[in-house]
Protein backbone atom coordinates (compact mmCIF):
# COMPACT_ATOMS: atom_id res chain seq x y z
CA MET A 1 0.00 0.00 0.00
CA SER A 2 1.30 3.45 -0.90
CA THR A 3 -0.24 6.79 -0.15
CA LYS A 4 -0.56 9.62 -2.64
CA ASP A 5 2.69 11.54 -3.22
CA SER A 6 4.92 8.81 -1.72
CA TYR A 7 8.38 8.78 -3.26
CA THR A 8 11.24 6.31 -3.05
CA ASP A 9 14.47 7.91 -4.23
CA PHE A 10 16.87 6.26 -6.66
CA HIS A 11 18.17 2.89 -5.55
CA ILE A 12 19.17 -0.56 -6.76
CA ASP A 13 17.18 -3.40 -5.27
CA PHE A 14 19.18 -5.32 -2.68
CA GLY A 15 21.82 -7.70 -3.98
CA GLY A 16 20.99 -6.74 -7.55
CA THR A 17 17.75 -8.67 -7.37
CA SER A 18 15.26 -8.38 -10.19
CA VAL A 19 11.84 -7.17 -9.13
CA TRP A 20 8.26 -7.27 -10.37
CA TYR A 21 5.34 -4.97 -9.55
CA HIS A 22 1.65 -5.39 -10.29
CA VAL A 23 -0.76 -2.49 -9.73
CA LEU A 24 -4.10 -3.62 -8.34
CA LYS A 25 -5.33 -0.08 -7.67
CA GLY A 26 -3.86 3.35 -8.43
CA GLU A 27 -0.64 3.91 -10.33
CA LYS A 28 3.13 4.29 -9.98
CA ILE A 29 5.61 6.37 -11.93
CA PHE A 30 9.05 4.81 -12.34
CA TYR A 31 12.24 6.61 -13.27
CA LEU A 32 14.61 4.00 -14.67
CA VAL A 33 18.35 4.12 -15.41
CA ARG A 34 20.18 1.33 -17.23
CA PRO A 35 22.95 -0.26 -15.08
CA THR A 36 25.91 0.53 -17.35
CA GLU A 37 29.31 0.83 -15.73
CA ARG A 38 29.20 4.60 -16.28
CA ASN A 39 25.78 4.89 -14.61
CA LEU A 40 26.80 2.62 -11.72
CA ARG A 41 29.84 4.84 -11.06
CA ALA A 42 27.62 7.96 -11.25
CA PHE A 43 25.16 6.31 -8.83
CA TYR A 44 28.00 5.58 -6.40
CA GLN A 45 29.12 9.21 -6.58
CA TRP A 46 25.52 10.44 -6.13
CA CYS A 47 25.10 8.25 -3.03
CA GLN A 48 28.23 9.85 -1.55
CA LEU A 49 26.79 13.37 -1.85
CA PRO A 50 25.73 14.82 1.53
CA ASN A 51 22.60 16.23 -0.15
CA CYS A 52 21.87 13.45 -2.65
CA SER A 53 18.14 13.59 -1.91
CA GLU A 54 18.15 17.17 -3.20
CA LYS A 55 19.67 16.20 -6.57
CA PHE A 56 17.71 14.19 -9.14
CA PHE A 57 20.01 11.29 -10.02
CA GLY A 58 18.43 10.96 -13.47
CA GLU A 59 20.27 14.13 -14.49
CA MET A 60 23.63 12.48 -13.72
CA ALA A 61 22.86 9.37 -15.81
CA ASP A 62 23.36 9.11 -19.55
CA GLN A 63 19.60 8.57 -19.91
CA CYS A 64 16.64 8.30 -17.55
CA TYR A 65 13.39 6.68 -18.68
CA ARG A 66 9.97 7.56 -17.25
CA LEU A 67 7.29 4.87 -17.17
CA THR A 68 3.76 5.07 -15.75
CA LEU A 69 2.38 1.78 -14.46
CA ARG A 70 -1.42 1.77 -14.22
CA LYS A 71 -4.11 -0.44 -12.70
CA GLY A 72 -3.91 -3.99 -14.07
CA GLN A 73 -0.38 -3.60 -15.45
CA THR A 74 2.76 -5.47 -14.39
CA LEU A 75 6.36 -4.29 -14.62
CA PHE A 76 9.52 -6.36 -14.48
CA ILE A 77 12.73 -4.50 -13.56
CA PRO A 78 15.84 -6.50 -14.47
CA THR A 79 18.94 -6.96 -12.34
CA GLY A 80 20.72 -3.82 -11.27
CA TRP A 81 18.47 -1.18 -12.83
CA ILE A 82 18.69 2.05 -10.85
CA HIS A 83 15.22 3.40 -10.22
CA ALA A 84 13.02 5.78 -8.26
CA VAL A 85 9.26 5.46 -7.71
CA LEU A 86 6.59 8.12 -7.35
CA THR A 87 3.02 7.31 -6.28
CA PRO A 88 0.71 10.03 -7.68
CA THR A 89 -2.43 8.51 -6.15
CA ASP A 90 -3.24 6.10 -3.30
CA SER A 91 -2.23 2.69 -4.62
CA LEU A 92 -2.26 -1.00 -3.85
CA VAL A 93 0.67 -2.77 -5.49
CA PHE A 94 2.06 -6.30 -5.22
CA GLY A 95 5.61 -7.24 -6.05
CA GLY A 96 8.62 -9.31 -5.20
CA ASN A 97 12.36 -9.57 -5.57
CA PHE A 98 14.28 -12.56 -6.86
CA LEU A 99 17.75 -13.71 -7.86
CA HIS A 100 18.45 -15.88 -10.89
CA LYS A 101 21.41 -17.29 -12.77
CA LEU A 102 21.01 -15.17 -15.92
CA ASN A 103 23.02 -12.18 -14.67
CA ILE A 104 25.09 -13.27 -11.70
CA ARG A 105 27.99 -10.96 -12.64
CA LEU A 106 25.80 -7.83 -12.35
CA GLN A 107 24.15 -9.13 -9.16
CA LEU A 108 27.61 -9.47 -7.61
CA ARG A 109 28.56 -6.00 -8.90
CA CYS A 110 25.50 -4.55 -7.13
CA TYR A 111 26.39 -6.39 -3.93
CA GLU A 112 29.92 -4.98 -4.16
CA LEU A 113 28.46 -1.50 -4.58
CA GLU A 114 26.33 -1.98 -1.44
CA ARG A 115 29.43 -2.99 0.50
CA HIS A 116 31.44 0.02 -0.71
CA LEU A 117 28.56 2.31 0.26
CA ASN A 118 28.43 0.71 3.74
CA MET A 119 24.75 -0.01 3.23
CA PRO A 120 23.17 -1.05 6.57
CA ASN A 121 22.37 -4.78 6.78
CA LYS A 122 18.64 -4.10 7.06
CA PHE A 123 18.78 -2.86 3.42
CA ARG A 124 20.73 -5.88 2.15
CA HIS A 125 19.62 -9.29 0.96
CA PRO A 126 19.58 -11.69 3.94
CA SER A 127 22.19 -14.49 3.72
CA TYR A 128 23.34 -13.23 0.30
CA GLU A 129 26.84 -14.72 0.48
CA THR A 130 25.61 -18.09 1.74
CA LEU A 131 23.00 -18.22 -1.01
CA ASN A 132 25.67 -17.49 -3.62
CA TRP A 133 27.90 -20.29 -2.31
CA TYR A 134 24.99 -22.74 -2.66
CA THR A 135 24.37 -21.40 -6.16
CA ALA A 136 28.04 -21.83 -7.07
CA GLN A 137 27.95 -25.42 -5.84
CA TYR A 138 24.77 -26.10 -7.86
CA LEU A 139 26.23 -24.56 -11.03
CA LEU A 140 29.50 -26.49 -10.64
CA GLU A 141 27.64 -29.78 -10.19
CA ASP A 142 25.47 -28.95 -13.20
CA LEU A 143 28.55 -28.09 -15.25
CA ILE A 144 30.44 -31.31 -14.46
CA GLY A 145 27.30 -33.43 -14.64
CA GLU A 146 26.96 -34.71 -11.08
């Protein structure tokens, strides 16, 4: 549930997870920035600013897309996309985060960024390193055919 005029400033979902949103009621406006190396470096610099909430990160990126998600629509945000969310009207939205094996390199890059920014643990994926070790074991066994 989000109230009218709620805003979540630019961020990358924890651990580089992909995320989906479905609007049951209301709407959301997303500002999306592709996770290129240049944009990730700019995001890191923006996060270091003492007044980052007063500067629109989209102006520092090479391009910022605006997308309005309306009632009945679903959005998938891939790994590592930098985004902000505005709620122009009271809304009821469902969503979830997930990791997958299609872009592990970028997921790890996002995790590294969180560590360099000293992101508090409450904003990080729980048991991220343990989960990645299990994933590595699974992928190795799959690769060698065990």
